[in-house]
Amino acid sequence: MNTLTVYRLGRVEYEDGLQLMKLFGESRRQGLCGDVLLLLEHPPVLTLGRAAKRFNIVASDERLAAEGVETYETDRGGDVTYHGPGQLVGYPIFLLPEGRQDVRRYVRDVEQCVIRTLAEYGITSGTIPKWPGVWIGQEDSPDARKIAAIGVHLARWLTSHGFALNVNTHLPHFNLIVPCGISEAGVTSLQKELGRPVPMAEVEEKISRHFADVFGLQRAEPAPLTRTVSVTLVRGKGAEARVLLLRRRPERGGFWQIVTGRLEPGEQPREAAARELFEETGMRTDVVDLEYRHAFAVGTVVPPRLVEENGFAARCTEGFEVRLGDEHDAYEWVDVPTALARLPFRGLREGVQRAIRALAE
């Protein structure tokens, strides 16, 4: 029996999610891992499938920016859909065996995993032939409402993308689009149907079990994620705010970054952040927890090396003199737009933006 490893990743930036699918797909194709199910939440984002029509995004660019919603084009099937906090996104990275190499069957099986999960909450759901996804209510019913979107991609029977189940999702964000190009029906969530918030971990466990059952896979435990921290060091305020960037030595990649580092055994994230700040800049000060924890893959190695990072911020005075550690060969104080342009990773850019907001007062 083939194995299924389920990774519960929490928040994943959308572009990092695309990279995870790519790296796990390469690993699966090379036989370096078994089948994988990535369970995660994205920040607010609109994604366009191969059949998407731009006019199904009804919000202006200005409104999307005000709502903090980004837009991405993808290679999955379907039209435009929304991802955001409180929505469980699942990316099955499966290499379908000979007996299951049927696109329609694969889509039905993914739908069945969602339908079985909802049934455990006493919710009867199903499919509507003319519309993709998992629905509550009948096709001709005025209260038909979508609770899960399905959008998959298959290449030589390797799967990617998957499903998005509304658990505690902010449903008003669906008003930014015509979800999946369907204007005749609405959307719903587990929270709305049950009248209470639903623990995401609980839903993750149920759907993981159903994926293993439906696809005939033996669940395997994932390796623990490496835990790291980042710290944005800021001086000045408002338009005068400057962010410290450190350049890694050439043998360490040669790119610009903010303060980063791993947790040591037994260390808490805040302790690690303060220690790394001192080791990489010479500053001893309190750090501010940005309440930003996200997962991503480091580099492009396969199988991917997964990291969970906590973001922090700190402020320093104008007269502070940076003392570089062994990892870096240069530093610069730059304005925020320059920092965002230089930082190569989405998570570091998000950390800077959150730090500026947190230290604005």
Protein backbone atom coordinates (compact mmCIF):
# COMPACT_ATOMS: atom_id res chain seq x y z
CA MET A 1 0.00 0.00 0.00
CA ASN A 2 1.29 3.46 -0.91
CA THR A 3 1.75 6.04 1.82
CA LEU A 4 0.10 9.41 2.41
CA THR A 5 2.00 12.03 4.37
CA VAL A 6 -0.16 14.92 5.53
CA TYR A 7 1.53 18.24 6.28
CA ARG A 8 -0.50 20.70 8.37
CA LEU A 9 1.27 23.93 7.54
CA GLY A 10 -0.93 26.73 8.85
CA ARG A 11 -0.43 30.00 6.96
CA VAL A 12 1.45 29.73 3.67
CA GLU A 13 1.97 32.71 1.36
CA TYR A 14 0.40 31.89 -2.00
CA GLU A 15 3.62 32.01 -4.03
CA ASP A 16 5.27 29.79 -1.42
CA GLY A 17 2.38 27.36 -1.87
CA LEU A 18 3.06 27.20 -5.60
CA GLN A 19 6.71 26.45 -4.87
CA LEU A 20 5.76 23.71 -2.39
CA MET A 21 3.58 22.03 -5.00
CA LYS A 22 6.41 22.18 -7.53
CA LEU A 23 9.03 20.74 -5.17
CA PHE A 24 6.82 17.99 -3.78
CA GLY A 25 5.76 17.15 -7.33
CA GLU A 26 9.39 16.72 -8.38
CA SER A 27 10.03 14.62 -5.27
CA ARG A 28 7.03 12.39 -5.98
CA ARG A 29 7.99 11.97 -9.63
CA GLN A 30 11.51 10.96 -8.63
CA GLY A 31 10.26 8.49 -6.02
CA LEU A 32 11.80 10.47 -3.16
CA CYS A 33 8.51 10.56 -1.25
CA GLY A 34 5.09 8.94 -1.29
CA ASP A 35 1.82 10.74 -1.94
CA VAL A 36 1.51 14.02 -0.04
CA LEU A 37 -1.44 16.13 1.12
CA LEU A 38 -0.61 19.73 1.99
CA LEU A 39 -3.20 21.35 4.28
CA LEU A 40 -2.85 25.10 4.77
CA GLU A 41 -4.42 28.55 4.81
CA HIS A 42 -3.53 31.37 2.44
CA PRO A 43 -3.70 35.11 3.06
CA PRO A 44 -6.46 36.85 1.05
CA VAL A 45 -5.84 36.12 -2.63
CA LEU A 46 -7.76 35.70 -5.86
CA THR A 47 -6.58 32.93 -8.17
CA LEU A 48 -7.48 32.56 -11.83
CA GLY A 49 -7.62 29.13 -13.43
CA ARG A 50 -6.95 28.40 -17.09
CA ALA A 51 -10.59 29.12 -18.01
CA ALA A 52 -10.83 32.29 -15.94
CA LYS A 53 -12.40 35.47 -17.27
CA ARG A 54 -11.02 38.69 -15.81
CA PHE A 55 -14.46 40.31 -15.74
CA ASN A 56 -15.41 37.80 -13.01
CA ILE A 57 -13.25 39.94 -10.70
CA VAL A 58 -15.83 42.63 -10.01
CA ALA A 59 -13.81 44.68 -7.51
CA SER A 60 -11.53 47.46 -8.70
CA ASP A 61 -7.77 47.25 -8.29
CA GLU A 62 -8.05 50.03 -5.70
CA ARG A 63 -10.55 48.07 -3.64
CA LEU A 64 -8.46 44.90 -3.83
CA ALA A 65 -5.45 46.86 -2.60
CA ALA A 66 -7.49 48.38 0.23
CA GLU A 67 -8.69 44.91 1.26
CA GLY A 68 -5.15 43.50 1.06
CA VAL A 69 -6.13 40.98 -1.63
CA GLU A 70 -3.57 39.88 -4.24
CA THR A 71 -4.24 38.22 -7.62
CA TYR A 72 -2.45 35.26 -9.22
CA GLU A 73 -2.86 33.33 -12.47
CA THR A 74 -2.47 29.55 -12.12
CA ASP A 75 -2.38 26.38 -14.23
CA ARG A 76 -5.31 24.72 -12.45
CA GLY A 77 -8.67 24.22 -14.08
CA GLY A 78 -11.65 26.47 -13.47
CA ASP A 79 -12.39 30.17 -13.26
CA VAL A 80 -11.64 32.70 -10.51
CA THR A 81 -11.82 31.77 -6.85
CA TYR A 82 -10.89 33.21 -3.48
CA HIS A 83 -8.54 31.94 -0.78
CA GLY A 84 -8.20 33.48 2.64
CA PRO A 85 -7.82 32.89 6.39
CA GLY A 86 -10.29 30.43 7.84
CA GLN A 87 -10.46 28.47 4.59
CA LEU A 88 -8.85 25.02 4.51
CA VAL A 89 -6.88 24.62 1.29
CA GLY A 90 -5.74 21.14 0.35
CA TYR A 91 -3.10 20.34 -2.26
CA PRO A 92 -2.90 16.59 -2.97
CA ILE A 93 0.41 15.75 -4.65
CA PHE A 94 -0.44 12.25 -5.87
CA LEU A 95 1.10 10.09 -8.58
CA LEU A 96 -2.01 8.22 -9.62
CA PRO A 97 -1.46 4.47 -10.12
CA GLU A 98 -2.57 2.77 -13.31
CA GLY A 99 -5.96 1.75 -11.96
CA ARG A 100 -6.86 5.34 -10.99
CA GLN A 101 -5.64 7.22 -14.07
CA ASP A 102 -8.94 8.87 -14.87
CA VAL A 103 -9.38 12.64 -14.50
CA ARG A 104 -13.12 12.52 -13.82
CA ARG A 105 -12.69 9.79 -11.23
CA TYR A 106 -9.93 11.77 -9.52
CA VAL A 107 -12.12 14.88 -9.27
CA ARG A 108 -15.03 12.77 -7.94
CA ASP A 109 -12.73 11.23 -5.34
CA VAL A 110 -11.54 14.64 -4.12
CA GLU A 111 -15.15 15.79 -3.92
CA GLN A 112 -16.04 12.64 -1.99
CA CYS A 113 -13.38 13.39 0.64
CA VAL A 114 -14.97 16.79 1.26
CA ILE A 115 -18.52 15.38 1.23
CA ARG A 116 -17.62 12.72 3.81
CA THR A 117 -15.97 15.33 6.03
CA LEU A 118 -19.06 17.54 5.96
CA ALA A 119 -21.26 14.54 6.76
CA GLU A 120 -19.42 14.17 10.07
CA TYR A 121 -20.87 17.57 11.01
CA GLY A 122 -24.37 16.50 10.03
CA ILE A 123 -24.24 18.45 6.76
CA THR A 124 -25.61 16.82 3.62
CA SER A 125 -23.69 18.00 0.56
CA GLY A 126 -23.08 16.86 -2.98
CA THR A 127 -22.25 17.98 -6.48
CA ILE A 128 -24.20 19.86 -9.14
CA PRO A 129 -23.30 18.58 -12.63
CA LYS A 130 -23.26 21.97 -14.36
CA TRP A 131 -21.22 23.68 -11.61
CA PRO A 132 -17.86 22.61 -10.14
CA GLY A 133 -17.29 22.16 -6.42
CA VAL A 134 -19.18 20.77 -3.45
CA TRP A 135 -22.64 22.20 -2.77
CA ILE A 136 -25.36 22.31 -0.16
CA GLY A 137 -28.83 22.31 -1.67
CA GLN A 138 -30.14 21.16 -5.04
CA GLU A 139 -29.36 22.53 -8.48
CA ASP A 140 -32.74 24.25 -8.93
CA SER A 141 -33.08 25.38 -5.32
CA PRO A 142 -32.91 29.13 -4.66
CA ASP A 143 -30.73 28.45 -1.60
CA ALA A 144 -28.09 26.32 -3.37
CA ARG A 145 -24.74 27.40 -1.96
CA LYS A 146 -21.15 26.34 -2.54
CA ILE A 147 -19.08 25.29 0.46
CA ALA A 148 -15.96 24.01 -1.31
CA ALA A 149 -14.22 24.85 -4.58
CA ILE A 150 -12.40 22.20 -6.61
CA GLY A 151 -9.67 23.11 -9.08
CA VAL A 152 -7.05 20.54 -10.07
CA HIS A 153 -4.13 20.12 -12.43
CA LEU A 154 -2.78 16.81 -13.72
CA ALA A 155 0.41 16.27 -15.70
CA ARG A 156 1.29 12.68 -16.62
CA TRP A 157 -0.96 11.61 -13.74
CA LEU A 158 0.83 13.76 -11.17
CA THR A 159 -1.74 15.91 -9.38
CA SER A 160 -1.48 19.42 -7.98
CA HIS A 161 -3.79 22.18 -6.71
CA GLY A 162 -6.94 20.65 -5.20
CA PHE A 163 -9.75 21.95 -3.00
CA ALA A 164 -10.68 24.93 -0.83
CA LEU A 165 -13.19 24.23 1.95
CA ASN A 166 -14.80 27.21 3.65
CA VAL A 167 -14.50 26.52 7.38
CA ASN A 168 -14.45 29.90 9.17
CA THR A 169 -13.90 31.95 6.01
CA HIS A 170 -14.64 35.69 5.77
CA LEU A 171 -17.49 35.25 3.28
CA PRO A 172 -17.88 38.96 2.32
CA HIS A 173 -14.60 38.65 0.41
CA PHE A 174 -16.44 36.48 -2.12
CA ASN A 175 -18.28 39.66 -3.14
CA LEU A 176 -15.04 40.76 -4.81
CA ILE A 177 -15.61 38.14 -7.52
CA VAL A 178 -18.16 36.00 -9.29
CA PRO A 179 -17.01 32.77 -7.59
CA CYS A 180 -15.99 30.24 -10.25
CA GLY A 181 -18.00 32.33 -12.73
CA ILE A 182 -21.30 31.28 -11.11
CA SER A 183 -23.59 34.23 -10.48
CA GLU A 184 -26.77 32.22 -9.87
CA ALA A 185 -25.83 30.85 -6.43
CA GLY A 186 -24.06 31.91 -3.27
CA VAL A 187 -21.34 30.59 -0.99
CA THR A 188 -21.35 29.36 2.58
CA SER A 189 -19.05 27.94 5.25
CA LEU A 190 -19.06 25.38 8.02
CA GLN A 191 -19.24 28.21 10.54
CA LYS A 192 -22.29 29.72 8.87
CA GLU A 193 -24.08 26.37 8.52
CA LEU A 194 -23.40 25.30 12.12
CA GLY A 195 -23.73 28.70 13.75
CA ARG A 196 -20.36 28.44 15.49
CA PRO A 197 -16.63 28.56 14.69
CA VAL A 198 -15.12 25.17 13.89
CA PRO A 199 -11.56 24.24 15.02
CA MET A 200 -9.41 24.01 11.91
CA ALA A 201 -7.29 21.19 13.38
CA GLU A 202 -10.44 19.13 13.82
CA VAL A 203 -11.40 19.54 10.16
CA GLU A 204 -7.84 18.78 9.06
CA GLU A 205 -7.86 15.47 10.92
CA LYS A 206 -11.21 14.40 9.47
CA ILE A 207 -10.33 15.24 5.88
CA SER A 208 -6.91 13.59 6.20
CA ARG A 209 -8.58 10.38 7.28
CA HIS A 210 -11.01 10.47 4.38
CA PHE A 211 -8.25 11.09 1.82
CA ALA A 212 -6.42 8.03 3.11
CA ASP A 213 -9.61 5.94 2.96
CA VAL A 214 -10.88 7.10 -0.43
CA PHE A 215 -7.49 6.76 -2.15
CA GLY A 216 -6.50 3.55 -0.35
CA LEU A 217 -3.36 4.99 1.24
CA GLN A 218 -1.53 4.28 4.51
CA ARG A 219 -0.92 7.45 6.50
CA ALA A 220 2.69 8.23 7.43
CA GLU A 221 3.93 10.81 9.93
CA PRO A 222 5.75 13.84 8.49
CA ALA A 223 9.15 14.93 9.72
CA PRO A 224 8.94 17.96 12.06
CA LEU A 225 9.41 21.35 10.45
CA THR A 226 12.56 23.36 11.15
CA ARG A 227 11.63 26.34 13.33
CA THR A 228 13.11 29.75 12.60
CA VAL A 229 12.59 33.44 13.40
CA SER A 230 12.95 36.69 11.51
CA VAL A 231 13.45 40.15 13.00
CA THR A 232 12.88 43.46 11.20
CA LEU A 233 15.08 46.14 12.78
CA VAL A 234 13.69 49.66 12.20
CA ARG A 235 14.94 53.15 12.96
CA GLY A 236 12.92 56.33 12.49
CA LYS A 237 9.18 56.65 11.87
CA GLY A 238 6.79 57.48 9.08
CA ALA A 239 8.42 58.52 5.82
CA GLU A 240 11.78 58.57 7.62
CA ALA A 241 11.59 54.92 8.67
CA ARG A 242 14.55 52.83 7.61
CA VAL A 243 14.93 49.05 7.65
CA LEU A 244 18.20 47.21 8.24
CA LEU A 245 19.14 44.81 5.45
CA LEU A 246 22.01 42.36 5.79
CA ARG A 247 23.81 40.81 2.81
CA ARG A 248 24.70 37.15 3.16
CA ARG A 249 28.23 36.16 2.23
CA PRO A 250 28.58 34.74 -1.32
CA GLU A 251 29.00 31.17 -0.05
CA ARG A 252 25.70 31.61 1.83
CA GLY A 253 23.73 32.86 -1.16
CA GLY A 254 24.78 36.51 -1.46
CA PHE A 255 21.23 37.88 -1.13
CA TRP A 256 19.81 40.60 1.10
CA GLN A 257 17.69 39.70 4.11
CA ILE A 258 16.56 40.92 7.50
CA VAL A 259 17.77 39.19 10.68
CA THR A 260 16.93 35.47 10.56
CA GLY A 261 17.97 32.31 12.37
CA ARG A 262 16.98 28.94 13.81
CA LEU A 263 15.64 28.16 17.24
CA GLU A 264 18.08 26.34 19.46
CA PRO A 265 16.89 23.26 21.45
CA GLY A 266 14.50 24.30 24.21
CA GLU A 267 14.36 27.91 23.02
CA GLN A 268 11.16 29.89 22.57
CA PRO A 269 10.69 32.04 19.44
CA ARG A 270 10.94 35.36 21.31
CA GLU A 271 14.18 34.24 22.98
CA ALA A 272 15.59 33.12 19.63
CA ALA A 273 14.65 36.43 18.01
CA ALA A 274 16.44 38.47 20.69
CA ARG A 275 19.51 36.21 20.51
CA GLU A 276 19.72 36.32 16.69
CA LEU A 277 19.32 40.09 16.72
CA PHE A 278 22.31 40.40 19.05
CA GLU A 279 24.45 37.86 17.18
CA GLU A 280 23.83 39.42 13.75
CA THR A 281 23.81 43.14 14.65
CA GLY A 282 25.20 43.55 18.18
CA MET A 283 21.94 45.00 19.51
CA ARG A 284 20.36 43.89 22.78
CA THR A 285 16.73 44.98 23.06
CA ASP A 286 13.20 43.70 23.45
CA VAL A 287 11.50 42.36 20.35
CA VAL A 288 7.85 42.80 19.32
CA ASP A 289 5.92 39.68 18.36
CA LEU A 290 4.23 40.39 14.99
CA GLU A 291 1.94 37.36 15.41
CA TYR A 292 3.09 36.27 11.97
CA ARG A 293 3.81 32.57 11.66
CA HIS A 294 4.07 30.97 8.24
CA ALA A 295 5.53 27.91 6.54
CA PHE A 296 7.64 27.64 3.39
CA ALA A 297 10.36 25.60 1.70
CA VAL A 298 14.00 26.67 1.98
CA GLY A 299 15.73 26.72 -1.39
CA THR A 300 14.91 24.30 -4.19
CA VAL A 301 16.16 20.99 -2.79
CA VAL A 302 13.99 17.89 -3.15
CA PRO A 303 12.43 16.60 -1.06
CA PRO A 304 11.77 20.15 0.18
CA ARG A 305 13.11 21.30 3.55
CA LEU A 306 10.11 22.78 5.35
CA VAL A 307 10.39 25.69 7.75
CA GLU A 308 7.95 27.35 10.15
CA GLU A 309 8.98 30.93 10.87
CA ASN A 310 7.82 33.45 13.49
CA GLY A 311 8.19 37.15 12.68
CA PHE A 312 9.35 39.83 15.13
CA ALA A 313 10.35 43.48 15.03
CA ALA A 314 12.60 45.79 17.01
CA ARG A 315 13.45 49.48 17.04
CA CYS A 316 16.82 51.15 17.46
CA THR A 317 18.13 54.69 17.85
CA GLU A 318 19.80 56.75 15.13
CA GLY A 319 23.21 56.39 16.74
CA PHE A 320 23.29 52.60 16.87
CA GLU A 321 26.31 51.09 15.09
CA VAL A 322 25.72 47.69 13.51
CA ARG A 323 28.23 44.95 14.31
CA LEU A 324 27.96 42.21 11.69
CA GLY A 325 28.23 38.52 12.54
CA ASP A 326 29.94 35.81 10.52
CA GLU A 327 27.02 35.20 8.12
CA HIS A 328 26.99 38.63 6.48
CA ASP A 329 29.50 40.86 4.69
CA ALA A 330 27.55 44.13 4.34
CA TYR A 331 24.59 46.05 5.68
CA GLU A 332 22.45 49.02 4.63
CA TRP A 333 19.67 51.09 6.13
CA VAL A 334 17.07 51.49 3.38
CA ASP A 335 13.59 52.92 3.03
CA VAL A 336 10.64 50.55 3.00
CA PRO A 337 10.08 50.42 -0.80
CA THR A 338 13.76 49.60 -1.32
CA ALA A 339 13.61 46.87 1.33
CA LEU A 340 10.56 45.31 -0.30
CA ALA A 341 12.23 45.42 -3.72
CA ARG A 342 15.44 43.79 -2.51
CA LEU A 343 14.10 41.04 -0.29
CA PRO A 344 13.76 37.87 -2.39
CA PHE A 345 11.19 36.03 -0.27
CA ARG A 346 7.52 36.83 0.24
CA GLY A 347 7.60 36.02 3.94
CA LEU A 348 10.41 38.50 4.62
CA ARG A 349 8.55 41.22 2.74
CA GLU A 350 5.41 40.52 4.75
CA GLY A 351 7.46 40.69 7.95
CA VAL A 352 8.77 44.14 7.02
CA GLN A 353 5.30 45.47 6.23
CA ARG A 354 3.91 44.15 9.51
CA ALA A 355 6.88 45.58 11.45
CA ILE A 356 6.35 49.06 10.02
CA ARG A 357 2.68 48.95 11.03
CA ALA A 358 3.43 47.57 14.49
CA LEU A 359 6.11 50.18 15.23
CA ALA A 360 4.21 53.14 13.76
CA GLU A 361 3.16 54.52 17.15
